Each structure stands twice: as C-alpha cells, then as structure tokens.
C-alpha cells in the first residue's frame, strides 16, 4: 500500500507527499531528513492521509493535491 499525506507545519503551511509508511516518513520529516521544505518548515502533525493500491496512483493523487489552492487542501483535510 501507498499513501498520500498532508502535514501542517509550525508556521501554518501545508506540505503534501506520498510514502509507503506514513508514520516512518513523518518521523523523517521531524528529524530534518524528510524534505528540504520540512527542514525549514517544521511539521506539527499529519492532517490528512489516503491509501492507494499502487505507487502510481498515490503519485497521481499527490500531483492533483499539489495543484489545489490552500482552502481546497484545508477542506480536503477537514480543517475548513
């Protein structure tokens, strides 16, 4: 299984990514090894995740989510 997730950061921004293990990936983000963006914008919590059968499907959903505006992402995560 693969997952798409959205993180909320300390400065109230959103980060979207995909992985095969959300908790392990979140720990990498917290340690500063996850992504360049989350090194500068420390993640606070996972606000959204969705499961997919294939890596390809997860990557397509990640690309779709990244095209959404902030309010659409917040709505998807149930925060708006």
N, C-alpha and C. Protein backbone atom coordinates (compact mmCIF):
# COMPACT_ATOMS: atom_id res chain seq x y z
N UNK A 1 0.82 -1.19 0.00
CA UNK A 1 0.00 0.00 0.00
C UNK A 1 0.87 1.26 0.00
N UNK A 2 0.33 2.29 -0.60
CA UNK A 2 0.99 3.59 -0.64
C UNK A 2 0.01 4.64 -0.13
N UNK A 3 0.54 5.73 0.37
CA UNK A 3 -0.28 6.75 1.00
C UNK A 3 0.11 8.14 0.51
N UNK A 4 -0.88 9.00 0.44
CA UNK A 4 -0.66 10.43 0.22
C UNK A 4 -1.01 11.08 1.55
N UNK A 5 -0.20 12.05 1.97
CA UNK A 5 -0.44 12.70 3.25
C UNK A 5 -0.24 14.20 3.13
N UNK A 6 -0.86 14.92 4.04
CA UNK A 6 -0.66 16.36 4.15
C UNK A 6 -0.24 16.65 5.59
N UNK A 7 0.84 17.41 5.74
CA UNK A 7 1.33 17.82 7.05
C UNK A 7 1.01 19.28 7.28
N UNK A 8 0.71 19.62 8.52
CA UNK A 8 0.59 21.01 8.95
C UNK A 8 1.91 21.37 9.61
N UNK A 9 2.47 22.53 9.27
CA UNK A 9 3.76 22.93 9.83
C UNK A 9 3.59 23.98 10.93
N UNK A 10 4.67 24.24 11.65
CA UNK A 10 4.66 25.21 12.75
C UNK A 10 4.17 26.59 12.31
N UNK A 11 4.53 26.98 11.10
CA UNK A 11 4.12 28.32 10.62
C UNK A 11 2.84 28.26 9.80
N UNK A 12 2.02 27.21 10.05
CA UNK A 12 0.68 27.09 9.49
C UNK A 12 0.66 26.91 7.97
N UNK A 13 1.71 26.30 7.41
CA UNK A 13 1.69 25.96 5.99
C UNK A 13 1.39 24.47 5.86
N UNK A 14 1.12 24.04 4.64
CA UNK A 14 0.80 22.65 4.37
C UNK A 14 1.85 22.03 3.46
N UNK A 15 2.18 20.77 3.72
CA UNK A 15 3.12 20.03 2.88
C UNK A 15 2.46 18.72 2.49
N UNK A 16 2.52 18.39 1.20
CA UNK A 16 1.92 17.16 0.69
C UNK A 16 3.01 16.24 0.16
N UNK A 17 2.88 14.94 0.44
CA UNK A 17 3.82 13.96 -0.06
C UNK A 17 3.18 12.59 -0.17
N UNK A 18 3.97 11.61 -0.63
CA UNK A 18 3.49 10.23 -0.68
C UNK A 18 4.56 9.32 -0.09
N UNK A 19 4.14 8.15 0.37
CA UNK A 19 5.05 7.21 1.01
C UNK A 19 4.40 5.83 1.10
N UNK A 20 5.18 4.86 1.54
CA UNK A 20 4.60 3.54 1.81
C UNK A 20 4.44 3.32 3.32
N UNK A 21 4.86 4.30 4.15
CA UNK A 21 4.74 4.20 5.60
C UNK A 21 4.65 5.62 6.16
N UNK A 22 3.44 6.06 6.47
CA UNK A 22 3.22 7.46 6.88
C UNK A 22 3.95 7.80 8.17
N UNK A 23 3.84 6.95 9.18
CA UNK A 23 4.48 7.26 10.47
C UNK A 23 6.00 7.36 10.35
N UNK A 24 6.60 6.43 9.63
CA UNK A 24 8.06 6.45 9.43
C UNK A 24 8.47 7.71 8.67
N UNK A 25 7.70 8.07 7.66
CA UNK A 25 8.00 9.27 6.86
C UNK A 25 7.85 10.53 7.71
N UNK A 26 6.82 10.57 8.56
CA UNK A 26 6.62 11.72 9.44
C UNK A 26 7.81 11.87 10.38
N UNK A 27 8.31 10.77 10.91
CA UNK A 27 9.50 10.81 11.78
C UNK A 27 10.71 11.37 11.02
N UNK A 28 10.84 11.00 9.75
CA UNK A 28 11.94 11.55 8.94
C UNK A 28 11.80 13.06 8.79
N UNK A 29 10.57 13.51 8.55
CA UNK A 29 10.33 14.95 8.44
C UNK A 29 10.69 15.64 9.76
N UNK A 30 10.29 15.05 10.87
CA UNK A 30 10.58 15.65 12.18
C UNK A 30 12.09 15.73 12.45
N UNK A 31 12.83 14.74 11.97
CA UNK A 31 14.27 14.72 12.20
C UNK A 31 15.05 15.61 11.24
N UNK A 32 14.35 16.20 10.25
CA UNK A 32 15.02 17.07 9.29
C UNK A 32 15.54 16.33 8.06
N UNK A 33 15.23 15.05 7.94
CA UNK A 33 15.72 14.26 6.81
C UNK A 33 14.63 13.96 5.77
N UNK A 34 13.43 14.49 5.97
CA UNK A 34 12.32 14.15 5.10
C UNK A 34 12.30 14.88 3.77
N UNK A 35 12.41 16.18 3.80
CA UNK A 35 12.36 17.01 2.59
C UNK A 35 12.94 18.37 2.91
N UNK A 36 13.44 19.02 1.90
CA UNK A 36 14.02 20.35 2.08
C UNK A 36 12.99 21.31 2.69
N UNK A 37 11.76 21.23 2.21
CA UNK A 37 10.71 22.13 2.71
C UNK A 37 10.47 21.94 4.20
N UNK A 38 10.41 20.69 4.66
CA UNK A 38 10.11 20.45 6.07
C UNK A 38 11.33 20.65 6.98
N UNK A 39 12.50 20.82 6.41
CA UNK A 39 13.65 21.22 7.23
C UNK A 39 13.48 22.67 7.66
N UNK A 40 12.97 23.49 6.76
CA UNK A 40 12.77 24.92 7.05
C UNK A 40 11.42 25.20 7.71
N UNK A 41 10.45 24.32 7.47
CA UNK A 41 9.09 24.49 7.99
C UNK A 41 8.74 23.22 8.78
N UNK A 42 9.03 23.25 10.06
CA UNK A 42 8.90 22.04 10.89
C UNK A 42 7.46 21.55 10.95
N UNK A 43 7.26 20.25 10.67
CA UNK A 43 5.91 19.70 10.73
C UNK A 43 5.41 19.55 12.17
N UNK A 44 4.10 19.75 12.34
CA UNK A 44 3.47 19.64 13.65
C UNK A 44 2.65 18.35 13.72
N UNK A 45 1.83 18.11 12.68
CA UNK A 45 1.01 16.91 12.70
C UNK A 45 0.55 16.55 11.29
N UNK A 46 0.12 15.30 11.17
CA UNK A 46 -0.46 14.81 9.92
C UNK A 46 -1.94 15.17 9.96
N UNK A 47 -2.40 15.92 8.95
CA UNK A 47 -3.80 16.34 8.95
C UNK A 47 -4.64 15.58 7.93
N UNK A 48 -3.99 14.82 7.04
CA UNK A 48 -4.72 14.07 6.03
C UNK A 48 -3.86 12.92 5.54
N UNK A 49 -4.50 11.79 5.29
CA UNK A 49 -3.83 10.69 4.60
C UNK A 49 -4.87 9.84 3.88
N UNK A 50 -4.47 9.33 2.73
CA UNK A 50 -5.34 8.46 1.93
C UNK A 50 -4.49 7.29 1.43
N UNK A 51 -5.11 6.13 1.32
CA UNK A 51 -4.42 4.90 0.95
C UNK A 51 -4.68 4.55 -0.51
N UNK A 52 -3.64 4.04 -1.18
CA UNK A 52 -3.74 3.65 -2.59
C UNK A 52 -3.08 2.30 -2.80
N UNK A 53 -3.57 1.55 -3.75
CA UNK A 53 -3.04 0.21 -4.04
C UNK A 53 -1.66 0.28 -4.70
N UNK A 54 -1.45 1.31 -5.54
CA UNK A 54 -0.19 1.37 -6.29
C UNK A 54 0.54 2.69 -6.04
N UNK A 55 1.83 2.65 -6.25
CA UNK A 55 2.65 3.86 -6.12
C UNK A 55 2.21 4.89 -7.15
N UNK A 56 1.91 4.42 -8.35
CA UNK A 56 1.48 5.31 -9.43
C UNK A 56 0.22 6.07 -9.05
N UNK A 57 -0.75 5.38 -8.47
CA UNK A 57 -2.00 6.03 -8.07
C UNK A 57 -1.75 7.08 -6.99
N UNK A 58 -0.87 6.75 -6.04
CA UNK A 58 -0.54 7.69 -4.97
C UNK A 58 0.16 8.92 -5.53
N UNK A 59 1.07 8.71 -6.45
CA UNK A 59 1.80 9.84 -7.05
C UNK A 59 0.86 10.74 -7.86
N UNK A 60 -0.10 10.15 -8.54
CA UNK A 60 -1.08 10.94 -9.29
C UNK A 60 -1.93 11.79 -8.35
N UNK A 61 -2.34 11.19 -7.23
CA UNK A 61 -3.14 11.94 -6.27
C UNK A 61 -2.32 13.05 -5.62
N UNK A 62 -1.06 12.77 -5.32
CA UNK A 62 -0.18 13.81 -4.76
C UNK A 62 -0.08 14.98 -5.73
N UNK A 63 0.11 14.70 -7.01
CA UNK A 63 0.21 15.76 -8.02
C UNK A 63 -1.08 16.55 -8.09
N UNK A 64 -2.22 15.87 -8.01
CA UNK A 64 -3.52 16.54 -8.04
C UNK A 64 -3.68 17.46 -6.83
N UNK A 65 -3.32 16.96 -5.66
CA UNK A 65 -3.46 17.75 -4.43
C UNK A 65 -2.55 18.97 -4.47
N UNK A 66 -1.34 18.82 -4.97
CA UNK A 66 -0.41 19.94 -5.02
C UNK A 66 -0.90 21.08 -5.91
N UNK A 67 -1.81 20.77 -6.82
CA UNK A 67 -2.38 21.80 -7.69
C UNK A 67 -3.53 22.56 -7.03
N UNK A 68 -4.04 22.03 -5.91
CA UNK A 68 -5.15 22.68 -5.21
C UNK A 68 -4.66 23.94 -4.50
N UNK A 69 -5.57 24.88 -4.30
CA UNK A 69 -5.20 26.05 -3.51
C UNK A 69 -5.30 25.70 -2.02
N UNK A 70 -4.84 26.59 -1.18
CA UNK A 70 -4.79 26.32 0.27
C UNK A 70 -6.16 25.95 0.84
N UNK A 71 -7.18 26.70 0.50
CA UNK A 71 -8.51 26.42 1.04
C UNK A 71 -9.01 25.05 0.60
N UNK A 72 -8.73 24.66 -0.63
CA UNK A 72 -9.14 23.34 -1.11
C UNK A 72 -8.42 22.23 -0.35
N UNK A 73 -7.13 22.45 -0.05
CA UNK A 73 -6.37 21.47 0.73
C UNK A 73 -6.91 21.39 2.16
N UNK A 74 -7.22 22.53 2.75
CA UNK A 74 -7.78 22.55 4.10
C UNK A 74 -9.13 21.84 4.13
N UNK A 75 -9.94 22.04 3.12
CA UNK A 75 -11.24 21.38 3.01
C UNK A 75 -11.05 19.86 2.88
N UNK A 76 -10.11 19.44 2.06
CA UNK A 76 -9.80 18.03 1.90
C UNK A 76 -9.39 17.40 3.23
N UNK A 77 -8.62 18.13 4.00
CA UNK A 77 -8.14 17.63 5.29
C UNK A 77 -9.18 17.77 6.40
N UNK A 78 -10.34 18.36 6.07
CA UNK A 78 -11.39 18.55 7.08
C UNK A 78 -11.11 19.66 8.06
N UNK A 79 -10.28 20.60 7.68
CA UNK A 79 -9.91 21.71 8.56
C UNK A 79 -10.64 23.00 8.21
N UNK A 80 -11.51 22.94 7.22
CA UNK A 80 -12.24 24.15 6.81
C UNK A 80 -13.69 23.81 6.60
